[in-house]
Amino acid sequence: MEWYEQWTKPFGTASTYEGMLPEGQRVHFIMGSGGGMYSDVDSVVENRYLAIKHIGVLNESNEELPPDEAFLKWSGAMKTYTLSEKQGVTALEVTVDCEEEYVEMMNSTFPPALIEVQRLSSLSQDTKGN
């Protein structure tokens, strides 16, 4: 969880999650001050692919809120992470479904977050090598 909290800092300091990532599980993605969103793990291929379906929002006490009109506009949006390897180089591809009003934010926030993922991956490799 510590590494998740590091790579998600561009989205909001102190971001964390509660739950497990096996397929079919529910996860709460929590902002530092409380609130956030809840999602279901749609598909997992270990060390290759993760698909998360966003379902709804959490209140400040991190409880799931019932659907409303705004919620229904983006409920079911997917976020996928795909790892592939070619000639010894691993690539991470991320796809994000989102409302038009959030595209610019995602385009400006994901690049620094993914740079942090790359840095953490390098740290992990260094740890394994020693």
C-alpha atoms as a PDB file:
ATOM      1  CA  MET A   1       0.000   0.000   0.000  1.00  0.00           C
ATOM      2  CA  GLU A   2       2.921   2.338   0.714  1.00  0.00           C
ATOM      3  CA  TRP A   3       3.920   2.388  -2.961  1.00  0.00           C
ATOM      4  CA  TYR A   4       0.330   3.036  -4.053  1.00  0.00           C
ATOM      5  CA  GLU A   5       0.270   6.069  -1.772  1.00  0.00           C
ATOM      6  CA  GLN A   6       3.513   7.322  -3.329  1.00  0.00           C
ATOM      7  CA  TRP A   7       2.553   6.983  -6.986  1.00  0.00           C
ATOM      8  CA  THR A   8      -0.911   8.497  -6.490  1.00  0.00           C
ATOM      9  CA  LYS A   9       0.336  11.739  -4.891  1.00  0.00           C
ATOM     10  CA  PRO A  10      -0.244  13.719  -8.114  1.00  0.00           C
ATOM     11  CA  PHE A  11      -3.955  12.877  -7.759  1.00  0.00           C
ATOM     12  CA  GLY A  12      -4.068  14.072  -4.160  1.00  0.00           C
ATOM     13  CA  THR A  13      -1.771  13.843  -1.185  1.00  0.00           C
ATOM     14  CA  ALA A  14      -2.524  11.074   1.275  1.00  0.00           C
ATOM     15  CA  SER A  15      -4.555   9.062  -1.241  1.00  0.00           C
ATOM     16  CA  THR A  16      -4.990   5.480  -0.128  1.00  0.00           C
ATOM     17  CA  TYR A  17      -7.302   2.540  -0.638  1.00  0.00           C
ATOM     18  CA  GLU A  18      -9.148  -0.093   1.341  1.00  0.00           C
ATOM     19  CA  GLY A  19      -9.886  -3.515  -0.078  1.00  0.00           C
ATOM     20  CA  MET A  20      -8.188  -6.234  -2.052  1.00  0.00           C
ATOM     21  CA  LEU A  21      -7.399  -6.480  -5.753  1.00  0.00           C
ATOM     22  CA  PRO A  22      -8.560  -9.999  -6.647  1.00  0.00           C
ATOM     23  CA  GLU A  23     -11.166 -10.119  -9.405  1.00  0.00           C
ATOM     24  CA  GLY A  24     -14.686  -9.408  -8.185  1.00  0.00           C
ATOM     25  CA  GLN A  25     -13.625  -7.476  -5.082  1.00  0.00           C
ATOM     26  CA  ARG A  26     -14.778  -3.979  -4.111  1.00  0.00           C
ATOM     27  CA  VAL A  27     -12.130  -1.320  -3.430  1.00  0.00           C
ATOM     28  CA  HIS A  28     -12.536   2.100  -1.795  1.00  0.00           C
ATOM     29  CA  PHE A  29     -10.158   4.720  -3.212  1.00  0.00           C
ATOM     30  CA  ILE A  30      -9.920   7.345  -0.473  1.00  0.00           C
ATOM     31  CA  MET A  31      -8.650  10.911  -0.601  1.00  0.00           C
ATOM     32  CA  GLY A  32      -6.588  12.068   2.370  1.00  0.00           C
ATOM     33  CA  SER A  33      -9.365  14.124   3.912  1.00  0.00           C
ATOM     34  CA  GLY A  34     -11.981  11.420   3.386  1.00  0.00           C
ATOM     35  CA  GLY A  35     -14.330  10.745   0.540  1.00  0.00           C
ATOM     36  CA  GLY A  36     -13.392   9.339  -2.814  1.00  0.00           C
ATOM     37  CA  MET A  37     -14.846   6.613  -5.002  1.00  0.00           C
ATOM     38  CA  TYR A  38     -15.619   2.941  -4.861  1.00  0.00           C
ATOM     39  CA  SER A  39     -14.866   0.518  -7.631  1.00  0.00           C
ATOM     40  CA  ASP A  40     -15.060  -3.156  -8.475  1.00  0.00           C
ATOM     41  CA  VAL A  41     -12.076  -5.144  -9.711  1.00  0.00           C
ATOM     42  CA  ASP A  42     -13.371  -6.301 -13.079  1.00  0.00           C
ATOM     43  CA  SER A  43     -10.488  -8.409 -14.376  1.00  0.00           C
ATOM     44  CA  VAL A  44      -7.009  -9.446 -13.249  1.00  0.00           C
ATOM     45  CA  VAL A  45      -4.239 -11.296 -15.043  1.00  0.00           C
ATOM     46  CA  GLU A  46      -1.419 -11.373 -12.499  1.00  0.00           C
ATOM     47  CA  ASN A  47       1.551  -9.209 -13.459  1.00  0.00           C
ATOM     48  CA  ARG A  48      -0.088  -8.393 -16.827  1.00  0.00           C
ATOM     49  CA  TYR A  49      -3.490  -6.722 -16.619  1.00  0.00           C
ATOM     50  CA  LEU A  50      -5.824  -5.013 -14.164  1.00  0.00           C
ATOM     51  CA  ALA A  51      -9.262  -3.592 -15.025  1.00  0.00           C
ATOM     52  CA  ILE A  52     -11.194  -1.551 -12.488  1.00  0.00           C
ATOM     53  CA  LYS A  53     -14.818  -0.478 -12.963  1.00  0.00           C
ATOM     54  CA  HIS A  54     -15.718   2.704 -11.106  1.00  0.00           C
ATOM     55  CA  ILE A  55     -19.104   2.387  -9.448  1.00  0.00           C
ATOM     56  CA  GLY A  56     -19.791   5.384  -7.215  1.00  0.00           C
ATOM     57  CA  VAL A  57     -18.613   7.936  -4.681  1.00  0.00           C
ATOM     58  CA  LEU A  58     -17.809   7.835  -0.980  1.00  0.00           C
ATOM     59  CA  ASN A  59     -18.863  10.434   1.562  1.00  0.00           C
ATOM     60  CA  GLU A  60     -16.401  12.064   4.006  1.00  0.00           C
ATOM     61  CA  SER A  61     -16.784   9.027   6.319  1.00  0.00           C
ATOM     62  CA  ASN A  62     -15.808   6.760   3.399  1.00  0.00           C
ATOM     63  CA  GLU A  63     -19.262   5.217   3.135  1.00  0.00           C
ATOM     64  CA  GLU A  64     -20.742   4.363  -0.251  1.00  0.00           C
ATOM     65  CA  LEU A  65     -23.356   6.868  -1.374  1.00  0.00           C
ATOM     66  CA  PRO A  66     -26.458   5.781  -3.292  1.00  0.00           C
ATOM     67  CA  PRO A  67     -26.569   6.667  -6.984  1.00  0.00           C
ATOM     68  CA  ASP A  68     -27.719  10.085  -8.121  1.00  0.00           C
ATOM     69  CA  GLU A  69     -27.939  11.695 -11.560  1.00  0.00           C
ATOM     70  CA  ALA A  70     -24.300  12.874 -11.579  1.00  0.00           C
ATOM     71  CA  PHE A  71     -23.153   9.457 -10.437  1.00  0.00           C
ATOM     72  CA  LEU A  72     -25.011   7.668 -13.204  1.00  0.00           C
ATOM     73  CA  LYS A  73     -23.138   9.726 -15.864  1.00  0.00           C
ATOM     74  CA  TRP A  74     -19.837   7.993 -15.081  1.00  0.00           C
ATOM     75  CA  SER A  75     -20.771   4.817 -13.204  1.00  0.00           C
ATOM     76  CA  GLY A  76     -19.244   1.869 -15.029  1.00  0.00           C
ATOM     77  CA  ALA A  77     -16.271   3.853 -16.343  1.00  0.00           C
ATOM     78  CA  MET A  78     -13.220   1.625 -16.684  1.00  0.00           C
ATOM     79  CA  LYS A  79      -9.565   2.127 -15.891  1.00  0.00           C
ATOM     80  CA  THR A  80      -7.145  -0.498 -17.192  1.00  0.00           C
ATOM     81  CA  TYR A  81      -3.463  -1.126 -16.613  1.00  0.00           C
ATOM     82  CA  THR A  82      -1.602  -3.388 -19.057  1.00  0.00           C
ATOM     83  CA  LEU A  83       2.016  -4.520 -18.725  1.00  0.00           C
ATOM     84  CA  SER A  84       3.829  -5.840 -21.776  1.00  0.00           C
ATOM     85  CA  GLU A  85       7.425  -6.780 -22.433  1.00  0.00           C
ATOM     86  CA  LYS A  86       9.399  -6.448 -25.633  1.00  0.00           C
ATOM     87  CA  GLN A  87      13.115  -7.121 -25.911  1.00  0.00           C
ATOM     88  CA  GLY A  88      13.554  -7.010 -22.151  1.00  0.00           C
ATOM     89  CA  VAL A  89      11.766  -3.685 -21.717  1.00  0.00           C
ATOM     90  CA  THR A  90       8.515  -3.545 -19.782  1.00  0.00           C
ATOM     91  CA  ALA A  91       5.869  -1.031 -20.820  1.00  0.00           C
ATOM     92  CA  LEU A  92       2.810   0.076 -18.849  1.00  0.00           C
ATOM     93  CA  GLU A  93      -0.256   1.246 -20.755  1.00  0.00           C
ATOM     94  CA  VAL A  94      -3.104   2.922 -18.902  1.00  0.00           C
ATOM     95  CA  THR A  95      -6.530   3.621 -20.342  1.00  0.00           C
ATOM     96  CA  VAL A  96      -9.074   5.749 -18.522  1.00  0.00           C
ATOM     97  CA  ASP A  97     -12.745   6.286 -19.303  1.00  0.00           C
ATOM     98  CA  CYS A  98     -13.833   9.667 -17.997  1.00  0.00           C
ATOM     99  CA  GLU A  99     -16.226  12.509 -18.593  1.00  0.00           C
ATOM    100  CA  GLU A 100     -15.013  15.198 -21.014  1.00  0.00           C
ATOM    101  CA  GLU A 101     -14.652  17.687 -18.155  1.00  0.00           C
ATOM    102  CA  TYR A 102     -11.930  15.511 -16.561  1.00  0.00           C
ATOM    103  CA  VAL A 103      -9.831  14.700 -19.652  1.00  0.00           C
ATOM    104  CA  GLU A 104      -7.453  17.642 -19.204  1.00  0.00           C
ATOM    105  CA  MET A 105      -6.945  16.808 -15.525  1.00  0.00           C
ATOM    106  CA  MET A 106      -6.201  13.157 -16.340  1.00  0.00           C
ATOM    107  CA  ASN A 107      -3.817  14.161 -19.130  1.00  0.00           C
ATOM    108  CA  SER A 108      -1.898  16.453 -16.782  1.00  0.00           C
ATOM    109  CA  THR A 109      -1.989  14.214 -13.694  1.00  0.00           C
ATOM    110  CA  PHE A 110      -1.237  10.761 -15.062  1.00  0.00           C
ATOM    111  CA  PRO A 111       2.186  11.533 -16.630  1.00  0.00           C
ATOM    112  CA  PRO A 112       3.838  12.558 -13.314  1.00  0.00           C
ATOM    113  CA  ALA A 113       2.112   9.636 -11.569  1.00  0.00           C
ATOM    114  CA  LEU A 114       3.484   7.213 -14.163  1.00  0.00           C
ATOM    115  CA  ILE A 115       6.972   8.674 -13.800  1.00  0.00           C
ATOM    116  CA  GLU A 116       6.660   7.814 -10.111  1.00  0.00           C
ATOM    117  CA  VAL A 117       5.549   4.270 -11.021  1.00  0.00           C
ATOM    118  CA  GLN A 118       8.694   3.963 -13.148  1.00  0.00           C
ATOM    119  CA  ARG A 119      10.861   5.228 -10.272  1.00  0.00           C
ATOM    120  CA  LEU A 120       9.263   2.810  -7.810  1.00  0.00           C
ATOM    121  CA  SER A 121       9.685  -0.047 -10.273  1.00  0.00           C
ATOM    122  CA  SER A 122      13.386   0.759 -10.522  1.00  0.00           C
ATOM    123  CA  LEU A 123      13.648   0.746  -6.724  1.00  0.00           C
ATOM    124  CA  SER A 124      11.936  -2.621  -6.646  1.00  0.00           C
ATOM    125  CA  GLN A 125      14.387  -4.017  -9.203  1.00  0.00           C
ATOM    126  CA  ASP A 126      17.343  -2.641  -7.220  1.00  0.00           C
ATOM    127  CA  THR A 127      16.008  -4.297  -4.061  1.00  0.00           C
ATOM    128  CA  LYS A 128      15.621  -7.659  -5.848  1.00  0.00           C
ATOM    129  CA  GLY A 129      19.098  -7.398  -7.309  1.00  0.00           C
ATOM    130  CA  ASN A 130      20.798  -6.926  -3.924  1.00  0.00           C
END
